[in-house]
Amino acid sequence: MGDKPDTPEILYHYCSNAAFLSIIESGTIRLSDLSLSNDSQEGRWVKKIINDSLKPSGIETDIPMRYLDEIIDKTRALGFCVSGDHDSLSQWRACADNASGVAIGLSAEYLKLSSRPNLGFRHHMAGFDRVRYKLDERQQLILGLIEEISSITAEN
């Protein structure tokens, strides 16, 4: 990434003109089920990452793949995608109705603040983070979650 900051000040949500009109009329951006994204493997890579991450950590598991499939099928992740790139050909093509839509600039700081827990919950299910495409970054994320779950269960 060079000298680029981790998160740009402005992030761009690429969408069709119909989606843009809906956002303007309602004053809201609606979240979508990530399993319905244009990437059919979105969210499914987690099975392989979990198994690959557990092996080197020394954690033994006999979780059959069917249980992970069941958890993934019953657990839905909602979200909307943004990009730090204000003029990405791949985003225009894939997300903005084959380059006939729009890119809406959003404040990264506002998105971060609006995803923070505000109801006193110790653990929340909302967040704002970048997608990790590199395998080692995904593994570190999974190991961090495993450690957090382990510490929670140890407290109870």
N, C-alpha and C. Protein backbone atom coordinates (compact mmCIF):
# COMPACT_ATOMS: atom_id res chain seq x y z
N MET A 1 0.81 -1.20 0.00
CA MET A 1 0.00 0.00 0.00
C MET A 1 0.86 1.26 0.00
N GLY A 2 2.16 1.14 0.14
CA GLY A 2 3.02 2.31 0.09
C GLY A 2 2.78 3.26 1.24
N ASP A 3 2.72 4.55 0.93
CA ASP A 3 2.53 5.54 1.97
C ASP A 3 1.08 5.98 2.11
N LYS A 4 0.15 5.23 1.52
CA LYS A 4 -1.26 5.56 1.64
C LYS A 4 -1.73 5.30 3.07
N PRO A 5 -2.60 6.16 3.62
CA PRO A 5 -3.16 5.87 4.94
C PRO A 5 -4.03 4.63 4.88
N ASP A 6 -4.21 4.00 6.05
CA ASP A 6 -5.01 2.78 6.11
C ASP A 6 -6.43 2.99 5.59
N THR A 7 -7.04 4.11 5.99
CA THR A 7 -8.37 4.43 5.52
C THR A 7 -8.37 5.86 4.98
N PRO A 8 -8.74 6.04 3.72
CA PRO A 8 -8.81 7.39 3.17
C PRO A 8 -9.90 8.21 3.89
N GLU A 9 -9.84 9.52 3.78
CA GLU A 9 -10.85 10.38 4.41
C GLU A 9 -12.21 10.21 3.78
N ILE A 10 -12.23 10.01 2.48
CA ILE A 10 -13.49 9.83 1.75
C ILE A 10 -13.50 8.43 1.15
N LEU A 11 -14.62 7.73 1.34
CA LEU A 11 -14.81 6.41 0.75
C LEU A 11 -15.97 6.52 -0.23
N TYR A 12 -15.95 5.69 -1.25
CA TYR A 12 -16.93 5.81 -2.33
C TYR A 12 -17.79 4.55 -2.42
N HIS A 13 -19.10 4.78 -2.45
CA HIS A 13 -20.07 3.69 -2.63
C HIS A 13 -20.55 3.77 -4.07
N TYR A 14 -20.15 2.78 -4.87
CA TYR A 14 -20.55 2.71 -6.27
C TYR A 14 -21.90 2.02 -6.35
N CYS A 15 -22.83 2.59 -7.10
CA CYS A 15 -24.16 1.98 -7.20
C CYS A 15 -24.85 2.42 -8.49
N SER A 16 -25.96 1.76 -8.77
CA SER A 16 -26.75 2.10 -9.95
C SER A 16 -27.49 3.42 -9.70
N ASN A 17 -28.03 3.99 -10.76
CA ASN A 17 -28.82 5.22 -10.61
C ASN A 17 -30.07 4.97 -9.77
N ALA A 18 -30.69 3.79 -9.92
CA ALA A 18 -31.88 3.46 -9.13
C ALA A 18 -31.54 3.39 -7.64
N ALA A 19 -30.40 2.77 -7.31
CA ALA A 19 -29.98 2.69 -5.91
C ALA A 19 -29.66 4.09 -5.38
N PHE A 20 -29.02 4.91 -6.19
CA PHE A 20 -28.71 6.29 -5.78
C PHE A 20 -29.99 7.07 -5.49
N LEU A 21 -30.98 6.94 -6.36
CA LEU A 21 -32.26 7.63 -6.16
C LEU A 21 -32.91 7.16 -4.85
N SER A 22 -32.88 5.87 -4.60
CA SER A 22 -33.44 5.32 -3.36
C SER A 22 -32.72 5.88 -2.13
N ILE A 23 -31.40 5.99 -2.21
CA ILE A 23 -30.61 6.54 -1.10
C ILE A 23 -30.99 8.00 -0.86
N ILE A 24 -31.10 8.78 -1.92
CA ILE A 24 -31.44 10.20 -1.80
C ILE A 24 -32.86 10.37 -1.26
N GLU A 25 -33.81 9.60 -1.77
CA GLU A 25 -35.21 9.73 -1.33
C GLU A 25 -35.40 9.31 0.12
N SER A 26 -34.73 8.23 0.53
CA SER A 26 -34.94 7.71 1.89
C SER A 26 -33.97 8.31 2.91
N GLY A 27 -32.87 8.85 2.44
CA GLY A 27 -31.85 9.38 3.35
C GLY A 27 -31.08 8.27 4.06
N THR A 28 -31.15 7.06 3.53
CA THR A 28 -30.46 5.93 4.15
C THR A 28 -29.77 5.07 3.10
N ILE A 29 -28.77 4.37 3.55
CA ILE A 29 -28.14 3.35 2.72
C ILE A 29 -28.53 2.02 3.34
N ARG A 30 -29.13 1.18 2.55
CA ARG A 30 -29.58 -0.12 3.06
C ARG A 30 -28.48 -1.15 2.92
N LEU A 31 -28.40 -2.03 3.91
CA LEU A 31 -27.42 -3.10 3.88
C LEU A 31 -27.95 -4.27 3.09
N SER A 32 -27.07 -5.02 2.48
CA SER A 32 -27.44 -6.20 1.70
C SER A 32 -26.82 -7.43 2.33
N ASP A 33 -27.47 -8.57 2.12
CA ASP A 33 -26.93 -9.85 2.55
C ASP A 33 -25.68 -10.10 1.71
N LEU A 34 -24.53 -10.23 2.38
CA LEU A 34 -23.27 -10.37 1.63
C LEU A 34 -23.20 -11.67 0.83
N SER A 35 -24.00 -12.66 1.19
CA SER A 35 -24.00 -13.88 0.40
C SER A 35 -24.65 -13.66 -0.96
N LEU A 36 -25.33 -12.53 -1.14
CA LEU A 36 -25.96 -12.22 -2.42
C LEU A 36 -25.12 -11.28 -3.27
N SER A 37 -23.89 -11.04 -2.83
CA SER A 37 -23.02 -10.11 -3.57
C SER A 37 -22.62 -10.70 -4.91
N ASN A 38 -21.96 -9.89 -5.71
CA ASN A 38 -21.54 -10.38 -7.02
C ASN A 38 -20.35 -11.33 -6.92
N ASP A 39 -19.80 -11.49 -5.71
CA ASP A 39 -18.74 -12.48 -5.45
C ASP A 39 -19.40 -13.67 -4.76
N SER A 40 -19.60 -14.76 -5.48
CA SER A 40 -20.36 -15.90 -4.94
C SER A 40 -19.68 -16.55 -3.75
N GLN A 41 -18.39 -16.32 -3.56
CA GLN A 41 -17.67 -16.92 -2.44
C GLN A 41 -17.59 -15.99 -1.22
N GLU A 42 -18.21 -14.80 -1.32
CA GLU A 42 -18.17 -13.84 -0.22
C GLU A 42 -18.68 -14.50 1.05
N GLY A 43 -17.87 -14.53 2.06
CA GLY A 43 -18.25 -15.12 3.34
C GLY A 43 -17.98 -16.61 3.43
N ARG A 44 -17.83 -17.29 2.32
CA ARG A 44 -17.62 -18.74 2.34
C ARG A 44 -16.16 -19.12 2.52
N TRP A 45 -15.24 -18.24 2.21
CA TRP A 45 -13.82 -18.52 2.37
C TRP A 45 -13.48 -18.76 3.83
N VAL A 46 -14.35 -18.34 4.73
CA VAL A 46 -14.05 -18.44 6.16
C VAL A 46 -13.81 -19.88 6.61
N LYS A 47 -14.49 -20.86 6.00
CA LYS A 47 -14.28 -22.27 6.37
C LYS A 47 -12.83 -22.68 6.20
N LYS A 48 -12.30 -22.41 5.04
CA LYS A 48 -10.92 -22.80 4.77
C LYS A 48 -9.96 -22.03 5.67
N ILE A 49 -10.21 -20.77 5.85
CA ILE A 49 -9.33 -19.95 6.69
C ILE A 49 -9.35 -20.45 8.14
N ILE A 50 -10.52 -20.81 8.65
CA ILE A 50 -10.61 -21.32 10.03
C ILE A 50 -9.76 -22.57 10.17
N ASN A 51 -9.97 -23.52 9.30
CA ASN A 51 -9.20 -24.76 9.39
C ASN A 51 -7.71 -24.53 9.19
N ASP A 52 -7.35 -23.72 8.20
CA ASP A 52 -5.93 -23.45 7.95
C ASP A 52 -5.29 -22.67 9.10
N SER A 53 -6.07 -21.82 9.78
CA SER A 53 -5.54 -21.01 10.88
C SER A 53 -5.39 -21.82 12.16
N LEU A 54 -6.28 -22.75 12.37
CA LEU A 54 -6.24 -23.53 13.61
C LEU A 54 -5.07 -24.50 13.64
N LYS A 55 -4.73 -25.09 12.51
CA LYS A 55 -3.66 -26.10 12.48
C LYS A 55 -2.33 -25.57 13.01
N PRO A 56 -1.78 -24.47 12.47
CA PRO A 56 -0.49 -24.01 12.98
C PRO A 56 -0.55 -23.45 14.40
N SER A 57 -1.74 -23.04 14.86
CA SER A 57 -1.85 -22.47 16.20
C SER A 57 -1.83 -23.55 17.27
N GLY A 58 -1.91 -24.82 16.85
CA GLY A 58 -1.90 -25.91 17.82
C GLY A 58 -3.28 -26.24 18.37
N ILE A 59 -4.29 -25.52 17.91
CA ILE A 59 -5.66 -25.81 18.36
C ILE A 59 -6.20 -26.94 17.51
N GLU A 60 -6.57 -28.02 18.18
CA GLU A 60 -7.12 -29.16 17.47
C GLU A 60 -8.64 -29.02 17.40
N THR A 61 -9.19 -29.35 16.27
CA THR A 61 -10.63 -29.30 16.13
C THR A 61 -11.10 -30.44 15.25
N ASP A 62 -12.25 -30.94 15.59
CA ASP A 62 -12.88 -31.97 14.78
C ASP A 62 -14.20 -31.44 14.23
N ILE A 63 -14.23 -30.15 13.97
CA ILE A 63 -15.47 -29.56 13.47
C ILE A 63 -15.67 -30.02 12.03
N PRO A 64 -16.68 -30.85 11.81
CA PRO A 64 -16.92 -31.27 10.43
C PRO A 64 -17.35 -30.08 9.57
N MET A 65 -16.98 -30.12 8.34
CA MET A 65 -17.31 -29.04 7.41
C MET A 65 -18.82 -28.79 7.36
N ARG A 66 -19.62 -29.82 7.54
CA ARG A 66 -21.07 -29.62 7.46
C ARG A 66 -21.56 -28.69 8.56
N TYR A 67 -20.89 -28.70 9.73
CA TYR A 67 -21.29 -27.79 10.80
C TYR A 67 -20.93 -26.35 10.44
N LEU A 68 -19.76 -26.16 9.86
CA LEU A 68 -19.40 -24.82 9.42
C LEU A 68 -20.34 -24.35 8.31
N ASP A 69 -20.71 -25.25 7.40
CA ASP A 69 -21.67 -24.90 6.36
C ASP A 69 -22.99 -24.47 6.98
N GLU A 70 -23.44 -25.20 7.99
CA GLU A 70 -24.71 -24.90 8.65
C GLU A 70 -24.64 -23.54 9.36
N ILE A 71 -23.53 -23.29 10.04
CA ILE A 71 -23.37 -22.00 10.73
C ILE A 71 -23.37 -20.87 9.71
N ILE A 72 -22.63 -21.03 8.63
CA ILE A 72 -22.57 -19.99 7.60
C ILE A 72 -23.94 -19.79 6.96
N ASP A 73 -24.66 -20.89 6.69
CA ASP A 73 -25.97 -20.78 6.08
C ASP A 73 -26.98 -20.09 6.99
N LYS A 74 -26.85 -20.28 8.31
CA LYS A 74 -27.81 -19.70 9.25
C LYS A 74 -27.38 -18.32 9.76
N THR A 75 -26.16 -17.94 9.49
CA THR A 75 -25.66 -16.66 9.96
C THR A 75 -25.52 -15.75 8.76
N ARG A 76 -26.19 -14.66 8.81
CA ARG A 76 -26.12 -13.73 7.70
C ARG A 76 -25.32 -12.50 8.10
N ALA A 77 -24.50 -12.08 7.20
CA ALA A 77 -23.75 -10.84 7.38
C ALA A 77 -24.32 -9.82 6.42
N LEU A 78 -24.62 -8.66 6.95
CA LEU A 78 -25.15 -7.58 6.14
C LEU A 78 -24.10 -6.49 6.01
N GLY A 79 -24.09 -5.84 4.88
CA GLY A 79 -23.12 -4.78 4.71
C GLY A 79 -23.36 -4.02 3.43
N PHE A 80 -22.53 -3.02 3.24
CA PHE A 80 -22.48 -2.34 1.95
C PHE A 80 -21.02 -2.02 1.69
N CYS A 81 -20.69 -1.99 0.46
CA CYS A 81 -19.28 -1.87 0.08
C CYS A 81 -18.92 -0.44 -0.27
N VAL A 82 -17.72 -0.08 0.15
CA VAL A 82 -17.15 1.21 -0.21
C VAL A 82 -15.72 0.97 -0.69
N SER A 83 -15.20 1.93 -1.41
CA SER A 83 -13.85 1.83 -1.94
C SER A 83 -13.12 3.13 -1.65
N GLY A 84 -11.84 3.02 -1.40
CA GLY A 84 -11.02 4.21 -1.23
C GLY A 84 -10.66 4.86 -2.54
N ASP A 85 -10.94 4.18 -3.63
CA ASP A 85 -10.60 4.68 -4.96
C ASP A 85 -11.81 5.40 -5.55
N HIS A 86 -11.64 6.66 -5.88
CA HIS A 86 -12.76 7.45 -6.40
C HIS A 86 -13.05 7.19 -7.88
N ASP A 87 -12.20 6.43 -8.54
CA ASP A 87 -12.43 6.18 -9.96
C ASP A 87 -11.85 4.83 -10.35
N SER A 88 -12.50 3.76 -9.89
CA SER A 88 -12.03 2.40 -10.12
C SER A 88 -12.86 1.74 -11.22
N LEU A 89 -12.21 1.38 -12.31
CA LEU A 89 -12.92 0.75 -13.42
C LEU A 89 -13.65 -0.51 -12.99
N SER A 90 -13.01 -1.34 -12.16
CA SER A 90 -13.67 -2.57 -11.73
C SER A 90 -14.91 -2.27 -10.89
N GLN A 91 -14.86 -1.24 -10.05
CA GLN A 91 -16.03 -0.85 -9.25
C GLN A 91 -17.13 -0.28 -10.15
N TRP A 92 -16.75 0.55 -11.12
CA TRP A 92 -17.74 1.09 -12.04
C TRP A 92 -18.47 -0.05 -12.76
N ARG A 93 -17.70 -1.03 -13.22
CA ARG A 93 -18.31 -2.13 -13.98
C ARG A 93 -19.16 -3.04 -13.10
N ALA A 94 -18.62 -3.45 -11.95
CA ALA A 94 -19.29 -4.45 -11.12
C ALA A 94 -20.42 -3.89 -10.27
N CYS A 95 -20.26 -2.66 -9.78
CA CYS A 95 -21.21 -2.15 -8.79
C CYS A 95 -22.05 -0.97 -9.27
N ALA A 96 -21.63 -0.31 -10.31
CA ALA A 96 -22.32 0.90 -10.76
C ALA A 96 -22.98 0.68 -12.12
N ASP A 97 -23.68 -0.43 -12.23
CA ASP A 97 -24.49 -0.70 -13.42
C ASP A 97 -23.69 -0.57 -14.70
N ASN A 98 -22.55 -1.27 -14.74
CA ASN A 98 -21.66 -1.28 -15.90
C ASN A 98 -21.27 0.15 -16.33
N ALA A 99 -20.86 0.91 -15.34
CA ALA A 99 -20.34 2.27 -15.53
C ALA A 99 -21.40 3.30 -15.90
N SER A 100 -22.68 3.00 -15.72
CA SER A 100 -23.70 4.02 -16.00
C SER A 100 -24.30 4.56 -14.70
N GLY A 101 -23.77 4.13 -13.55
CA GLY A 101 -24.29 4.58 -12.26
C GLY A 101 -23.48 5.73 -11.68
N VAL A 102 -23.40 5.75 -10.34
CA VAL A 102 -22.73 6.86 -9.66
C VAL A 102 -21.81 6.31 -8.56
N ALA A 103 -20.91 7.17 -8.10
CA ALA A 103 -20.08 6.88 -6.94
C ALA A 103 -20.36 7.97 -5.91
N ILE A 104 -20.85 7.57 -4.75
CA ILE A 104 -21.21 8.52 -3.70
C ILE A 104 -20.05 8.62 -2.71
N GLY A 105 -19.54 9.82 -2.49
CA GLY A 105 -18.46 10.03 -1.52
C GLY A 105 -19.02 10.12 -0.11
N LEU A 106 -18.45 9.32 0.80
CA LEU A 106 -18.90 9.28 2.20
C LEU A 106 -17.71 9.52 3.12
N SER A 107 -17.96 10.19 4.22
CA SER A 107 -16.92 10.44 5.20
C SER A 107 -16.54 9.15 5.92
N ALA A 108 -15.27 8.76 5.84
CA ALA A 108 -14.81 7.56 6.53
C ALA A 108 -14.97 7.73 8.05
N GLU A 109 -14.70 8.92 8.55
CA GLU A 109 -14.83 9.18 10.00
C GLU A 109 -16.27 8.99 10.45
N TYR A 110 -17.22 9.49 9.67
CA TYR A 110 -18.63 9.32 10.01
C TYR A 110 -19.03 7.84 10.01
N LEU A 111 -18.56 7.10 9.02
CA LEU A 111 -18.88 5.67 8.96
C LEU A 111 -18.30 4.94 10.16
N LYS A 112 -17.07 5.29 10.56
CA LYS A 112 -16.46 4.67 11.74
C LYS A 112 -17.26 4.98 12.99
N LEU A 113 -17.62 6.25 13.17
CA LEU A 113 -18.37 6.65 14.37
C LEU A 113 -19.76 6.01 14.41
N SER A 114 -20.40 5.90 13.26
CA SER A 114 -21.75 5.35 13.24
C SER A 114 -21.78 3.84 13.44
N SER A 115 -20.63 3.17 13.34
CA SER A 115 -20.61 1.72 13.54
C SER A 115 -20.18 1.34 14.96
N ARG A 116 -19.86 2.32 15.79
CA ARG A 116 -19.46 2.03 17.17
C ARG A 116 -20.68 1.61 17.99
N PRO A 117 -20.47 0.73 18.98
CA PRO A 117 -21.60 0.35 19.84
C PRO A 117 -22.03 1.55 20.68
N ASN A 118 -23.33 1.74 20.82
CA ASN A 118 -23.80 2.89 21.58
C ASN A 118 -24.88 2.53 22.59
N LEU A 119 -25.13 1.26 22.78
CA LEU A 119 -26.17 0.85 23.71
C LEU A 119 -25.62 0.15 24.94
N GLY A 120 -24.33 0.29 25.18
CA GLY A 120 -23.73 -0.33 26.36
C GLY A 120 -23.47 -1.82 26.22
N PHE A 121 -23.57 -2.36 25.01
CA PHE A 121 -23.28 -3.77 24.82
C PHE A 121 -21.79 -4.00 24.91
N ARG A 122 -21.38 -5.04 25.60
CA ARG A 122 -19.96 -5.34 25.71
C ARG A 122 -19.41 -5.78 24.36
N HIS A 123 -20.15 -6.61 23.69
CA HIS A 123 -19.74 -7.09 22.37
C HIS A 123 -20.87 -6.76 21.40
N HIS A 124 -20.53 -6.19 20.31
CA HIS A 124 -21.55 -5.82 19.34
C HIS A 124 -21.28 -6.52 18.02
N MET A 125 -22.27 -6.53 17.21
CA MET A 125 -22.17 -7.25 15.95
C MET A 125 -22.08 -6.30 14.76
N ALA A 126 -21.84 -5.02 15.02
CA ALA A 126 -21.69 -4.06 13.93
C ALA A 126 -20.24 -3.61 13.90
N GLY A 127 -19.78 -3.30 12.74
CA GLY A 127 -18.41 -2.83 12.65
C GLY A 127 -18.13 -2.17 11.33
N PHE A 128 -16.99 -1.53 11.29
CA PHE A 128 -16.52 -0.86 10.09
C PHE A 128 -15.07 -1.26 9.92
N ASP A 129 -14.79 -1.96 8.87
CA ASP A 129 -13.43 -2.43 8.67
C ASP A 129 -13.22 -2.66 7.18
N ARG A 130 -11.96 -2.73 6.80
CA ARG A 130 -11.66 -2.99 5.40
C ARG A 130 -11.65 -4.50 5.16
N VAL A 131 -11.91 -4.87 3.94
CA VAL A 131 -11.86 -6.27 3.55
C VAL A 131 -10.40 -6.67 3.46
N ARG A 132 -10.11 -7.84 3.96
CA ARG A 132 -8.74 -8.35 3.89
C ARG A 132 -8.66 -9.41 2.80
N TYR A 133 -7.90 -9.11 1.78
CA TYR A 133 -7.77 -10.03 0.66
C TYR A 133 -6.57 -10.95 0.79
N LYS A 134 -5.56 -10.53 1.54
CA LYS A 134 -4.35 -11.34 1.68
C LYS A 134 -4.59 -12.45 2.69
N LEU A 135 -4.14 -13.66 2.36
CA LEU A 135 -4.37 -14.83 3.19
C LEU A 135 -3.84 -14.65 4.61
N ASP A 136 -2.62 -14.12 4.76
CA ASP A 136 -2.06 -13.97 6.10
C ASP A 136 -2.87 -12.98 6.94
N GLU A 137 -3.43 -11.94 6.32
CA GLU A 137 -4.28 -11.00 7.06
C GLU A 137 -5.56 -11.67 7.52
N ARG A 138 -6.14 -12.51 6.66
CA ARG A 138 -7.37 -13.24 7.03
C ARG A 138 -7.10 -14.19 8.18
N GLN A 139 -5.98 -14.89 8.12
CA GLN A 139 -5.64 -15.82 9.20
C GLN A 139 -5.45 -15.09 10.52
N GLN A 140 -4.78 -13.93 10.50
CA GLN A 140 -4.59 -13.15 11.73
C GLN A 140 -5.93 -12.70 12.29
N LEU A 141 -6.86 -12.32 11.43
CA LEU A 141 -8.19 -11.91 11.86
C LEU A 141 -8.91 -13.07 12.54
N ILE A 142 -8.88 -14.25 11.92
CA ILE A 142 -9.54 -15.42 12.50
C ILE A 142 -8.91 -15.80 13.83
N LEU A 143 -7.58 -15.81 13.92
CA LEU A 143 -6.90 -16.14 15.17
C LEU A 143 -7.26 -15.14 16.27
N GLY A 144 -7.38 -13.86 15.91
CA GLY A 144 -7.79 -12.85 16.89
C GLY A 144 -9.19 -13.11 17.41
N LEU A 145 -10.09 -13.50 16.51
CA LEU A 145 -11.46 -13.83 16.93
C LEU A 145 -11.48 -15.06 17.83
N ILE A 146 -10.67 -16.05 17.49
CA ILE A 146 -10.60 -17.26 18.31
C ILE A 146 -10.10 -16.92 19.71
N GLU A 147 -9.07 -16.08 19.79
CA GLU A 147 -8.55 -15.66 21.10
C GLU A 147 -9.60 -14.90 21.89
N GLU A 148 -10.34 -14.02 21.22
CA GLU A 148 -11.39 -13.26 21.91
C GLU A 148 -12.49 -14.18 22.42
N ILE A 149 -12.90 -15.14 21.60
CA ILE A 149 -13.93 -16.08 22.03
C ILE A 149 -13.43 -16.92 23.20
N SER A 150 -12.17 -17.35 23.14
CA SER A 150 -11.58 -18.13 24.22
C SER A 150 -11.57 -17.34 25.53
N SER A 151 -11.24 -16.06 25.47
CA SER A 151 -11.19 -15.24 26.69
C SER A 151 -12.59 -15.01 27.26
N ILE A 152 -13.59 -14.88 26.38
CA ILE A 152 -14.97 -14.70 26.84
C ILE A 152 -15.47 -15.96 27.53
N THR A 153 -15.20 -17.12 26.91
CA THR A 153 -15.68 -18.38 27.50
C THR A 153 -14.93 -18.69 28.78
N ALA A 154 -13.68 -18.27 28.91
CA ALA A 154 -12.91 -18.49 30.14
C ALA A 154 -13.47 -17.67 31.29
N GLU A 155 -14.03 -16.47 30.97
CA GLU A 155 -14.61 -15.61 32.00
C GLU A 155 -15.91 -16.18 32.55
N ASN A 156 -16.62 -16.93 31.75
CA ASN A 156 -17.94 -17.45 32.16
C ASN A 156 -17.83 -18.75 32.86
